C-alpha atoms as a PDB file:
ATOM      1  CA  MET A   1       0.000   0.000   0.000  1.00  0.00           C
ATOM      2  CA  ILE A   2       2.927   2.302   0.660  1.00  0.00           C
ATOM      3  CA  ARG A   3       3.969   1.898  -2.985  1.00  0.00           C
ATOM      4  CA  TYR A   4       0.706   3.445  -4.189  1.00  0.00           C
ATOM      5  CA  TYR A   5      -0.276   5.761  -1.359  1.00  0.00           C
ATOM      6  CA  GLY A   6       3.092   6.562   0.183  1.00  0.00           C
ATOM      7  CA  SER A   7       2.890   8.926   3.109  1.00  0.00           C
ATOM      8  CA  SER A   8      -0.127  10.796   1.743  1.00  0.00           C
ATOM      9  CA  VAL A   9      -2.273   9.520   4.623  1.00  0.00           C
ATOM     10  CA  GLY A  10       0.377   9.749   7.321  1.00  0.00           C
ATOM     11  CA  LYS A  11       3.802   8.544   8.315  1.00  0.00           C
ATOM     12  CA  GLY A  12       4.250   4.820   7.641  1.00  0.00           C
ATOM     13  CA  GLY A  13       1.424   4.538   5.116  1.00  0.00           C
ATOM     14  CA  PRO A  14      -2.295   3.895   5.427  1.00  0.00           C
ATOM     15  CA  LEU A  15      -2.076   0.867   7.693  1.00  0.00           C
ATOM     16  CA  ALA A  16       0.055   2.690  10.262  1.00  0.00           C
ATOM     17  CA  ALA A  17      -2.278   5.690  10.022  1.00  0.00           C
ATOM     18  CA  TYR A  18      -5.240   3.425  10.773  1.00  0.00           C
ATOM     19  CA  TRP A  19      -3.594   1.954  13.865  1.00  0.00           C
ATOM     20  CA  ARG A  20      -2.714   5.426  15.080  1.00  0.00           C
ATOM     21  CA  GLY A  21      -6.365   6.431  14.672  1.00  0.00           C
ATOM     22  CA  GLU A  22      -5.669   8.980  11.938  1.00  0.00           C
ATOM     23  CA  ILE A  23      -7.973   7.329   9.359  1.00  0.00           C
ATOM     24  CA  THR A  24     -11.115   5.245   9.734  1.00  0.00           C
ATOM     25  CA  LEU A  25     -11.552   1.590   8.921  1.00  0.00           C
ATOM     26  CA  ARG A  26     -13.893   2.616   6.115  1.00  0.00           C
ATOM     27  CA  LEU A  27     -11.209   4.769   4.476  1.00  0.00           C
ATOM     28  CA  LEU A  28      -8.675   1.956   4.871  1.00  0.00           C
ATOM     29  CA  ARG A  29     -11.106  -0.435   3.165  1.00  0.00           C
ATOM     30  CA  VAL A  30     -11.654   2.054   0.325  1.00  0.00           C
ATOM     31  CA  LEU A  31      -7.885   2.387  -0.117  1.00  0.00           C
ATOM     32  CA  VAL A  32      -7.398  -1.399  -0.210  1.00  0.00           C
ATOM     33  CA  GLU A  33     -10.266  -1.900  -2.666  1.00  0.00           C
ATOM     34  CA  GLY A  34      -8.848   0.869  -4.854  1.00  0.00           C
ATOM     35  CA  LEU A  35      -5.466  -0.793  -5.264  1.00  0.00           C
ATOM     36  CA  PRO A  36      -4.590  -1.559  -8.902  1.00  0.00           C
ATOM     37  CA  PRO A  37      -4.529  -5.164 -10.174  1.00  0.00           C
ATOM     38  CA  ASP A  38      -0.728  -5.293 -10.188  1.00  0.00           C
ATOM     39  CA  SER A  39      -0.441  -4.539  -6.468  1.00  0.00           C
ATOM     40  CA  ALA A  40       0.887  -7.206  -4.111  1.00  0.00           C
ATOM     41  CA  THR A  41      -2.452  -7.292  -2.286  1.00  0.00           C
ATOM     42  CA  ALA A  42      -4.399  -7.948  -5.492  1.00  0.00           C
ATOM     43  CA  ARG A  43      -1.897 -10.604  -6.607  1.00  0.00           C
ATOM     44  CA  ALA A  44      -2.203 -12.363  -3.249  1.00  0.00           C
ATOM     45  CA  HIS A  45      -6.008 -12.219  -3.390  1.00  0.00           C
ATOM     46  CA  ASN A  46      -6.221 -13.449  -6.996  1.00  0.00           C
ATOM     47  CA  GLY A  47      -3.404 -15.959  -6.738  1.00  0.00           C
ATOM     48  CA  HIS A  48      -1.774 -14.593  -9.897  1.00  0.00           C
ATOM     49  CA  ALA A  49      -0.527 -11.392 -11.467  1.00  0.00           C
ATOM     50  CA  TRP A  50      -2.384 -11.605 -14.775  1.00  0.00           C
ATOM     51  CA  GLN A  51      -4.015  -8.402 -15.946  1.00  0.00           C
ATOM     52  CA  SER A  52      -6.524  -7.800 -18.730  1.00  0.00           C
ATOM     53  CA  LEU A  53      -3.740  -7.335 -21.296  1.00  0.00           C
ATOM     54  CA  ASP A  54      -2.278 -10.721 -20.368  1.00  0.00           C
ATOM     55  CA  TYR A  55      -5.641 -12.368 -20.959  1.00  0.00           C
ATOM     56  CA  ALA A  56      -6.033 -10.493 -24.255  1.00  0.00           C
ATOM     57  CA  ALA A  57      -2.568 -11.660 -25.378  1.00  0.00           C
ATOM     58  CA  ALA A  58      -3.414 -15.275 -24.487  1.00  0.00           C
ATOM     59  CA  ASP A  59      -6.721 -15.019 -26.379  1.00  0.00           C
ATOM     60  CA  THR A  60      -4.908 -13.560 -29.389  1.00  0.00           C
ATOM     61  CA  ARG A  61      -2.353 -16.379 -29.327  1.00  0.00           C
ATOM     62  CA  ASP A  62      -5.123 -19.005 -29.181  1.00  0.00           C
ATOM     63  CA  LEU A  63      -7.047 -17.334 -32.001  1.00  0.00           C
ATOM     64  CA  LEU A  64      -3.966 -17.137 -34.220  1.00  0.00           C
ATOM     65  CA  ALA A  65      -3.273 -20.827 -33.624  1.00  0.00           C
ATOM     66  CA  LEU A  66      -6.857 -21.670 -34.611  1.00  0.00           C
ATOM     67  CA  LEU A  67      -6.693 -19.489 -37.725  1.00  0.00           C
ATOM     68  CA  PHE A  68      -3.361 -21.012 -38.746  1.00  0.00           C
ATOM     69  CA  THR A  69      -4.743 -24.526 -38.335  1.00  0.00           C
ATOM     70  CA  ALA A  70      -7.882 -23.653 -40.312  1.00  0.00           C
ATOM     71  CA  PHE A  71      -5.745 -22.154 -43.085  1.00  0.00           C
ATOM     72  CA  VAL A  72      -3.489 -25.211 -43.242  1.00  0.00           C
ATOM     73  CA  ASN A  73      -6.484 -27.566 -43.297  1.00  0.00           C
ATOM     74  CA  ALA A  74      -8.249 -25.551 -45.998  1.00  0.00           C
ATOM     75  CA  ASN A  75      -5.180 -25.636 -48.244  1.00  0.00           C
ATOM     76  CA  ARG A  76      -3.962 -29.171 -47.575  1.00  0.00           C
ATOM     77  CA  ASP A  77      -3.771 -32.049 -50.001  1.00  0.00           C
ATOM     78  CA  PRO A  78      -7.178 -33.777 -49.841  1.00  0.00           C
ATOM     79  CA  LYS A  79      -5.419 -37.139 -49.554  1.00  0.00           C
ATOM     80  CA  LYS A  80      -3.564 -36.144 -46.396  1.00  0.00           C
ATOM     81  CA  PRO A  81      -5.155 -36.097 -42.911  1.00  0.00           C
ATOM     82  CA  ALA A  82      -6.285 -32.824 -41.436  1.00  0.00           C
ATOM     83  CA  MET A  83      -4.129 -31.086 -38.875  1.00  0.00           C
ATOM     84  CA  PRO A  84      -5.715 -31.318 -35.384  1.00  0.00           C
ATOM     85  CA  TYR A  85      -6.894 -28.089 -33.833  1.00  0.00           C
ATOM     86  CA  PRO A  86      -4.731 -26.853 -30.934  1.00  0.00           C
ATOM     87  CA  GLU A  87      -5.819 -26.774 -27.325  1.00  0.00           C
ATOM     88  CA  PRO A  88      -6.204 -23.328 -25.761  1.00  0.00           C
ATOM     89  CA  GLY A  89      -3.304 -22.102 -23.663  1.00  0.00           C
ATOM     90  CA  TRP A  90      -3.219 -22.209 -19.888  1.00  0.00           C
ATOM     91  CA  ARG A  91      -4.753 -19.383 -17.897  1.00  0.00           C
ATOM     92  CA  PRO A  92      -4.837 -18.684 -14.165  1.00  0.00           C
ATOM     93  CA  GLY A  93      -7.533 -20.767 -12.557  1.00  0.00           C
ATOM     94  CA  ASP A  94      -7.122 -23.637 -15.018  1.00  0.00           C
ATOM     95  CA  PRO A  95      -5.946 -26.880 -13.463  1.00  0.00           C
ATOM     96  CA  THR A  96      -2.304 -27.772 -13.976  1.00  0.00           C
ATOM     97  CA  PRO A  97      -1.428 -31.023 -15.770  1.00  0.00           C
ATOM     98  CA  GLU A  98      -0.521 -32.567 -12.406  1.00  0.00           C
ATOM     99  CA  GLU A  99      -3.916 -31.630 -10.953  1.00  0.00           C
ATOM    100  CA  THR A 100      -5.669 -33.021 -14.029  1.00  0.00           C
ATOM    101  CA  ALA A 101      -3.766 -36.318 -13.785  1.00  0.00           C
ATOM    102  CA  ALA A 102      -4.493 -36.608 -10.054  1.00  0.00           C
ATOM    103  CA  ALA A 103      -8.207 -35.956 -10.639  1.00  0.00           C
ATOM    104  CA  ALA A 104      -8.290 -38.590 -13.399  1.00  0.00           C
ATOM    105  CA  GLU A 105      -6.602 -41.115 -11.093  1.00  0.00           C
ATOM    106  CA  ARG A 106      -9.135 -40.369  -8.331  1.00  0.00           C
ATOM    107  CA  ASP A 107     -11.991 -40.842 -10.815  1.00  0.00           C
ATOM    108  CA  ARG A 108     -10.537 -44.183 -11.982  1.00  0.00           C
ATOM    109  CA  ALA A 109     -10.154 -45.398  -8.386  1.00  0.00           C
ATOM    110  CA  LYS A 110     -13.709 -44.338  -7.546  1.00  0.00           C
ATOM    111  CA  ALA A 111     -15.080 -46.071 -10.647  1.00  0.00           C
ATOM    112  CA  ARG A 112     -13.123 -49.251  -9.839  1.00  0.00           C
ATOM    113  CA  ALA A 113     -14.441 -49.257  -6.268  1.00  0.00           C
ATOM    114  CA  ALA A 114     -18.013 -48.844  -7.539  1.00  0.00           C
ATOM    115  CA  TYR A 115     -17.489 -51.671 -10.047  1.00  0.00           C
ATOM    116  CA  ASP A 116     -16.085 -53.967  -7.351  1.00  0.00           C
ATOM    117  CA  HIS A 117     -19.004 -53.142  -5.069  1.00  0.00           C
ATOM    118  CA  ILE A 118     -21.560 -53.985  -7.777  1.00  0.00           C
ATOM    119  CA  THR A 119     -19.861 -57.209  -8.834  1.00  0.00           C
ATOM    120  CA  SER A 120     -19.572 -58.363  -5.212  1.00  0.00           C
ATOM    121  CA  GLN A 121     -23.351 -58.069  -4.887  1.00  0.00           C
ATOM    122  CA  VAL A 122     -24.232 -59.648  -8.246  1.00  0.00           C
ATOM    123  CA  LEU A 123     -21.703 -62.402  -8.873  1.00  0.00           C
ATOM    124  CA  PRO A 124     -21.745 -65.498  -6.659  1.00  0.00           C
ATOM    125  CA  GLY A 125     -18.668 -66.178  -4.564  1.00  0.00           C
ATOM    126  CA  THR A 126     -17.109 -62.706  -4.951  1.00  0.00           C
ATOM    127  CA  GLY A 127     -18.468 -61.065  -1.823  1.00  0.00           C
END
């Protein structure tokens, strides 16, 4: 907060001014909510430092990849297979490959347990 507000609200920044009783809790809240997206507080709250331009750049990259693939497929030799369309790039909030693999493994284990439970009730001598 000191980076953006400095000593404009008192010595030591807004938080120190609040604890000294120089500003109200409401003003402190307004100052925190008014911090720009690249502030440390906003990055900690969001879990990332992406801003709208970062999202726009990622969308542009994905769109260009789609257009390139469509162009290649439209102008390919009809006897050759079509080029597969690319997957969109990663964005904050998307699961990482490790999280995706772990979720798939949990789903497989859950499905296997359900299958074993059903077969133990239906098939003779298995339960």
